[in-house]
């Protein structure tokens, strides 16, 4: 292999990671954490009950596995003290750290940014139809969402996570891992009254 061919492997080797845990003092729930590069992430979706958060199909069993679902506005303040909703840039840093390559693709007629070669490393080893390798213990699961009509859809096939970064006044960025697509997709969704409900991962301040 020449230097260019080795580059993705060097990037993975540079993404030194370690695991730990943190307890949310608000309700006593304990979350696994993982430090990838210089950033410490929760390695599970947030399951803190805010007044506006929802369980998929209002079923606590789903929340125990996948975490609760949040509107963007709610997600912005849902993380515990010392943690925050990750920005678009922090998601990008994560994708690069696990060897992702940025490409622009067309999905259902829309131009979307995707990080190729990152999806498999971030997906959990179980819970997907096509499971990931979870090389960095990020353990992403397909928690689905509540769409803008309030319907619970896609649990077990797709996962969606908010970022703290606005795309416009009316939209904010989110990242998704999908059963039918090999990359990590970035897109925008309404952040106001008609906001969908997505999962939340928190990062340490």
Protein backbone atom coordinates (compact mmCIF):
# COMPACT_ATOMS: atom_id res chain seq x y z
CA UNK A 1 0.00 0.00 0.00
CA UNK A 2 1.17 3.52 -0.74
CA UNK A 3 0.80 6.42 1.69
CA UNK A 4 -2.63 7.47 0.41
CA UNK A 5 -4.01 3.96 0.77
CA UNK A 6 -2.75 3.74 4.35
CA UNK A 7 -4.24 7.15 5.30
CA UNK A 8 -7.65 5.85 6.55
CA UNK A 9 -5.90 3.33 8.80
CA UNK A 10 -3.63 6.00 10.23
CA UNK A 11 -6.70 8.11 11.02
CA UNK A 12 -8.27 5.23 12.95
CA UNK A 13 -5.06 4.59 14.85
CA UNK A 14 -4.96 8.28 15.78
CA UNK A 15 -8.52 8.15 17.14
CA UNK A 16 -7.37 6.82 20.50
CA UNK A 17 -10.41 6.06 22.64
CA UNK A 18 -11.22 5.00 26.16
CA UNK A 19 -14.42 4.04 27.98
CA UNK A 20 -15.89 5.12 31.30
CA UNK A 21 -19.30 6.08 32.72
CA UNK A 22 -21.19 9.05 34.14
CA UNK A 23 -24.24 9.29 36.41
CA UNK A 24 -26.94 11.87 35.72
CA UNK A 25 -27.49 13.44 39.14
CA UNK A 26 -31.00 14.54 38.18
CA UNK A 27 -32.45 11.02 38.10
CA UNK A 28 -29.59 8.67 38.98
CA UNK A 29 -29.34 7.07 35.54
CA UNK A 30 -25.86 5.84 34.62
CA UNK A 31 -24.51 6.14 31.08
CA UNK A 32 -21.49 4.53 29.49
CA UNK A 33 -19.12 7.09 27.99
CA UNK A 34 -16.40 6.91 25.38
CA UNK A 35 -13.59 9.35 24.63
CA UNK A 36 -12.78 9.46 20.93
CA UNK A 37 -9.93 11.76 20.04
CA UNK A 38 -10.26 14.68 22.47
CA UNK A 39 -14.03 14.49 22.96
CA UNK A 40 -15.92 12.50 25.59
CA UNK A 41 -19.32 11.29 24.37
CA UNK A 42 -22.13 9.46 26.07
CA UNK A 43 -22.10 5.98 24.53
CA UNK A 44 -25.86 5.68 24.98
CA UNK A 45 -28.81 7.84 23.97
CA UNK A 46 -30.09 10.21 26.64
CA UNK A 47 -33.08 8.87 28.59
CA UNK A 48 -33.81 11.85 30.83
CA UNK A 49 -37.51 12.68 31.05
CA UNK A 50 -38.14 16.34 30.30
CA UNK A 51 -41.73 17.67 30.21
CA UNK A 52 -41.67 17.70 26.41
CA UNK A 53 -39.76 14.46 25.72
CA UNK A 54 -41.51 11.35 24.46
CA UNK A 55 -41.07 7.60 24.40
CA UNK A 56 -41.44 5.81 21.09
CA UNK A 57 -45.07 4.57 21.05
CA UNK A 58 -45.20 5.89 24.65
CA UNK A 59 -43.53 2.61 25.62
CA UNK A 60 -40.94 2.72 28.42
CA UNK A 61 -39.34 -0.47 27.08
CA UNK A 62 -38.32 1.43 23.94
CA UNK A 63 -36.82 4.24 26.02
CA UNK A 64 -34.88 1.80 28.18
CA UNK A 65 -33.24 0.48 25.01
CA UNK A 66 -33.09 3.52 22.71
CA UNK A 67 -33.46 6.52 25.03
CA UNK A 68 -36.17 9.16 24.89
CA UNK A 69 -36.96 11.38 21.88
CA UNK A 70 -36.75 15.19 21.92
CA UNK A 71 -37.69 18.21 19.85
CA UNK A 72 -34.73 20.39 18.93
CA UNK A 73 -35.64 23.10 21.42
CA UNK A 74 -35.98 20.54 24.20
CA UNK A 75 -32.76 18.79 23.17
CA UNK A 76 -30.82 22.02 23.56
CA UNK A 77 -31.27 21.93 27.35
CA UNK A 78 -31.78 18.19 27.98
CA UNK A 79 -28.18 17.16 28.76
CA UNK A 80 -27.03 17.10 32.40
CA UNK A 81 -24.78 19.72 33.97
CA UNK A 82 -21.27 19.56 32.52
CA UNK A 83 -22.56 18.14 29.21
CA UNK A 84 -24.18 19.62 26.11
CA UNK A 85 -25.85 18.78 22.84
CA UNK A 86 -23.05 18.32 20.28
CA UNK A 87 -22.56 20.89 17.56
CA UNK A 88 -22.36 20.09 13.88
CA UNK A 89 -18.59 20.51 14.13
CA UNK A 90 -18.32 18.02 17.00
CA UNK A 91 -20.23 15.44 14.96
CA UNK A 92 -17.88 16.08 12.05
CA UNK A 93 -14.88 15.64 14.32
CA UNK A 94 -16.30 12.30 15.45
CA UNK A 95 -16.82 11.16 11.85
CA UNK A 96 -13.26 12.08 10.90
CA UNK A 97 -11.85 10.39 14.00
CA UNK A 98 -13.38 7.05 13.04
CA UNK A 99 -12.12 7.27 9.46
CA UNK A 100 -15.07 8.90 7.68
CA UNK A 101 -14.72 10.57 4.27
CA UNK A 102 -16.90 13.58 3.45
CA UNK A 103 -18.87 13.25 0.20
CA UNK A 104 -21.99 14.96 -1.16
CA UNK A 105 -24.76 12.67 -2.37
CA UNK A 106 -28.33 12.78 -3.64
CA UNK A 107 -31.00 11.26 -1.40
CA UNK A 108 -34.58 11.36 -2.68
CA UNK A 109 -33.75 14.37 -4.83
CA UNK A 110 -32.06 16.34 -2.05
CA UNK A 111 -28.35 17.12 -1.87
CA UNK A 112 -26.98 15.80 1.42
CA UNK A 113 -23.57 15.59 3.03
CA UNK A 114 -22.50 12.14 4.13
CA UNK A 115 -19.49 10.65 5.87
CA UNK A 116 -18.63 7.46 4.04
CA UNK A 117 -16.83 4.67 5.91
CA UNK A 118 -17.98 5.96 9.32
CA UNK A 119 -21.36 4.25 9.65
CA UNK A 120 -20.21 0.68 10.26
CA UNK A 121 -17.70 1.74 12.93
CA UNK A 122 -20.34 3.70 14.86
CA UNK A 123 -23.23 1.22 14.70
CA UNK A 124 -23.73 -1.23 17.56
CA UNK A 125 -22.88 -4.89 17.00
CA UNK A 126 -26.53 -5.88 17.61
CA UNK A 127 -29.90 -4.25 17.05
CA UNK A 128 -29.60 -3.55 13.33
CA UNK A 129 -30.63 -5.72 10.39
CA UNK A 130 -27.07 -5.15 9.16
CA UNK A 131 -25.09 -4.72 12.36
CA UNK A 132 -22.01 -2.57 12.69
CA UNK A 133 -18.57 -3.34 14.05
CA UNK A 134 -18.72 -0.70 16.84
CA UNK A 135 -14.96 -0.27 16.62
CA UNK A 136 -14.94 2.70 19.02
CA UNK A 137 -17.69 1.59 21.47
CA UNK A 138 -20.02 4.39 20.32
CA UNK A 139 -22.82 1.78 20.07
CA UNK A 140 -25.31 3.72 17.93
CA UNK A 141 -28.75 2.08 17.81
CA UNK A 142 -31.70 2.62 15.43
CA UNK A 143 -34.07 4.44 17.78
CA UNK A 144 -36.33 5.83 15.05
CA UNK A 145 -38.16 9.12 15.53
CA UNK A 146 -41.50 10.84 15.94
CA UNK A 147 -42.11 12.64 12.65
CA UNK A 148 -43.68 16.10 12.29
CA UNK A 149 -47.15 14.49 12.37
CA UNK A 150 -46.27 12.83 15.69
CA UNK A 151 -46.12 9.30 14.30
CA UNK A 152 -43.54 6.88 15.74
CA UNK A 153 -41.58 5.49 12.80
CA UNK A 154 -38.40 3.61 11.85
CA UNK A 155 -37.24 2.20 15.20
CA UNK A 156 -35.10 -0.84 14.49
CA UNK A 157 -34.04 0.46 11.08
CA UNK A 158 -32.86 4.10 11.36
CA UNK A 159 -31.43 6.40 14.02
CA UNK A 160 -31.57 10.21 14.14
CA UNK A 161 -29.62 12.59 16.41
CA UNK A 162 -29.92 16.36 16.84
CA UNK A 163 -27.00 18.77 16.64
CA UNK A 164 -26.95 22.12 18.42
CA UNK A 165 -26.26 23.96 15.16
CA UNK A 166 -28.95 25.77 13.20
CA UNK A 167 -29.09 25.35 9.43
CA UNK A 168 -31.42 28.37 9.11
CA UNK A 169 -33.85 30.22 11.36
CA UNK A 170 -36.38 27.43 10.85
CA UNK A 171 -34.15 24.34 10.65
CA UNK A 172 -31.37 22.67 12.61
CA UNK A 173 -28.88 20.03 11.52
CA UNK A 174 -29.26 16.41 12.48
CA UNK A 175 -27.21 13.29 11.76
CA UNK A 176 -28.61 9.90 10.89
CA UNK A 177 -27.54 6.29 10.47
CA UNK A 178 -29.81 4.32 8.17
CA UNK A 179 -30.35 0.69 7.30
CA UNK A 180 -30.47 1.36 3.56
CA UNK A 181 -27.44 3.65 3.36
CA UNK A 182 -23.81 3.03 4.19
CA UNK A 183 -22.72 6.51 5.28
CA UNK A 184 -23.57 8.88 8.12
CA UNK A 185 -25.99 11.45 6.69
CA UNK A 186 -26.29 15.10 7.66
CA UNK A 187 -29.48 17.03 6.89
CA UNK A 188 -31.80 19.65 8.32
CA UNK A 189 -35.20 19.40 10.03
CA UNK A 190 -37.70 21.93 11.41
CA UNK A 191 -36.69 23.22 14.84
CA UNK A 192 -39.87 25.05 15.85
CA UNK A 193 -43.46 24.10 16.59
CA UNK A 194 -43.45 21.32 13.98
CA UNK A 195 -40.10 19.87 15.05
CA UNK A 196 -39.73 16.09 14.82
CA UNK A 197 -38.51 14.18 17.87
CA UNK A 198 -35.00 12.71 17.55
CA UNK A 199 -32.51 11.01 19.86
CA UNK A 200 -29.86 12.92 21.83
CA UNK A 201 -26.22 12.09 22.51
CA UNK A 202 -24.45 14.40 24.94
CA UNK A 203 -20.78 15.47 24.93
CA UNK A 204 -18.78 16.71 27.88
CA UNK A 205 -18.17 20.47 28.17
